[in-house]
Amino acid sequence: MPIHIRSVLEPLSVASIIAIIDLFIAMLLTIVDPTVSLFLTASAYLFLEFGVMLILGACFMSRQPLDVDKRFDKEGLPVRSWIWAIRGKKVLVASVFVLMFAFFISSLGMLF
């Protein structure tokens, strides 16, 4: 699989798992209290997680080495700050997908 497709599919799968977990938690809350809207509760959790993921991704990306020479050590292996910057990029892309899921689930909440 090409690296460009994998760099999108990995954050998409993480965002999908987060959305499923939030829907499950909202479903449990709906069983306990039937007056709570399933879709609006799940979308509220997703909006909160979007903010947390945005902050974490930005913090991970802040230590990114700007020079290409400083991204790798003498053996050619990536340094720790570059590894965390790549993880931060994945978190930022996943946060965009979480926001899209939140908008989709909240629009379902407006319909039902």
Protein backbone atom coordinates (compact mmCIF):
# COMPACT_ATOMS: atom_id res chain seq x y z
CA MET A 1 0.00 0.00 0.00
CA PRO A 2 1.41 3.44 -0.89
CA ILE A 3 2.63 5.59 1.98
CA HIS A 4 0.25 8.45 1.11
CA ILE A 5 -2.80 6.22 1.42
CA ARG A 6 -1.51 4.64 4.63
CA SER A 7 -0.87 8.08 6.16
CA VAL A 8 -4.60 8.80 5.76
CA LEU A 9 -6.03 5.37 6.55
CA GLU A 10 -4.24 4.97 9.90
CA PRO A 11 -5.68 8.20 11.40
CA LEU A 12 -9.06 7.37 9.85
CA SER A 13 -9.10 4.01 11.61
CA VAL A 14 -8.13 5.64 14.92
CA ALA A 15 -10.89 8.22 14.51
CA SER A 16 -13.39 5.47 13.66
CA ILE A 17 -12.52 3.54 16.80
CA ILE A 18 -12.88 6.72 18.90
CA ALA A 19 -16.29 7.41 17.33
CA ILE A 20 -17.49 3.86 17.96
CA ILE A 21 -16.39 4.02 21.61
CA ASP A 22 -18.19 7.36 22.06
CA LEU A 23 -21.35 5.97 20.45
CA PHE A 24 -21.19 2.98 22.78
CA ILE A 25 -20.81 5.23 25.85
CA ALA A 26 -23.69 7.41 24.65
CA MET A 27 -25.78 4.28 24.08
CA LEU A 28 -25.16 3.19 27.66
CA LEU A 29 -26.17 6.65 28.89
CA THR A 30 -29.33 6.46 26.78
CA ILE A 31 -30.22 3.12 28.36
CA VAL A 32 -29.75 4.59 31.84
CA ASP A 33 -31.58 7.85 31.08
CA PRO A 34 -33.92 7.69 28.04
CA THR A 35 -34.30 11.48 27.90
CA VAL A 36 -30.69 11.87 26.74
CA SER A 37 -30.17 12.06 22.98
CA LEU A 38 -27.81 9.37 21.75
CA PHE A 39 -26.45 11.28 18.77
CA LEU A 40 -26.05 14.64 20.47
CA THR A 41 -24.29 13.08 23.47
CA ALA A 42 -21.87 11.19 21.23
CA SER A 43 -21.18 14.29 19.13
CA ALA A 44 -20.51 16.35 22.28
CA TYR A 45 -17.93 13.79 23.39
CA LEU A 46 -16.37 13.82 19.93
CA PHE A 47 -16.10 17.62 19.96
CA LEU A 48 -14.30 17.44 23.31
CA GLU A 49 -11.95 14.75 22.04
CA PHE A 50 -11.27 16.85 18.94
CA GLY A 51 -9.98 19.66 21.15
CA VAL A 52 -7.81 17.35 23.22
CA MET A 53 -6.38 15.69 20.12
CA LEU A 54 -5.68 19.08 18.55
CA ILE A 55 -3.72 20.20 21.61
CA LEU A 56 -1.80 16.92 21.88
CA GLY A 57 -0.95 16.86 18.18
CA ALA A 58 0.30 20.44 18.30
CA CYS A 59 2.43 19.71 21.37
CA PHE A 60 3.97 16.68 19.67
CA MET A 61 4.65 18.66 16.48
CA SER A 62 6.24 21.56 18.36
CA ARG A 63 9.49 19.67 18.95
CA GLN A 64 9.97 18.90 15.25
CA PRO A 65 13.55 19.49 14.05
CA LEU A 66 13.45 22.04 11.25
CA ASP A 67 16.74 21.02 9.66
CA VAL A 68 16.66 17.78 7.69
CA ASP A 69 20.10 16.87 9.04
CA LYS A 70 18.87 16.97 12.64
CA ARG A 71 15.96 14.59 11.97
CA PHE A 72 18.26 11.57 11.77
CA ASP A 73 21.25 10.51 13.84
CA LYS A 74 24.62 9.29 12.55
CA GLU A 75 23.34 5.77 11.90
CA GLY A 76 20.45 7.09 9.80
CA LEU A 77 17.78 6.34 12.39
CA PRO A 78 15.17 8.99 13.19
CA VAL A 79 15.72 10.89 16.42
CA ARG A 80 13.10 10.80 19.18
CA SER A 81 11.77 14.31 18.49
CA TRP A 82 11.21 13.45 14.83
CA ILE A 83 9.34 10.25 15.78
CA TRP A 84 7.06 12.25 18.10
CA ALA A 85 6.53 14.86 15.38
CA ILE A 86 5.35 12.14 12.99
CA ARG A 87 3.00 10.82 15.69
CA GLY A 88 1.75 14.37 16.24
CA LYS A 89 0.97 14.68 12.55
CA LYS A 90 -1.07 11.48 12.72
CA VAL A 91 -2.93 12.80 15.77
CA LEU A 92 -3.71 16.06 13.95
CA VAL A 93 -5.03 14.22 10.89
CA ALA A 94 -7.08 11.92 13.14
CA SER A 95 -8.52 14.96 14.92
CA VAL A 96 -9.85 16.26 11.60
CA PHE A 97 -11.60 12.92 11.03
CA VAL A 98 -12.98 13.02 14.58
CA LEU A 99 -14.42 16.46 13.85
CA MET A 100 -16.00 15.17 10.63
CA PHE A 101 -17.55 12.25 12.53
CA ALA A 102 -18.84 14.68 15.16
CA PHE A 103 -20.54 16.81 12.50
CA PHE A 104 -22.03 13.73 10.86
CA ILE A 105 -23.33 12.26 14.12
CA SER A 106 -24.72 15.61 15.30
CA SER A 107 -26.55 16.04 11.99
CA LEU A 108 -28.07 12.60 12.54
CA GLY A 109 -29.12 13.83 15.98
CA MET A 110 -30.93 16.75 14.40
CA LEU A 111 -32.82 14.40 12.08
CA PHE A 112 -33.84 11.87 14.72
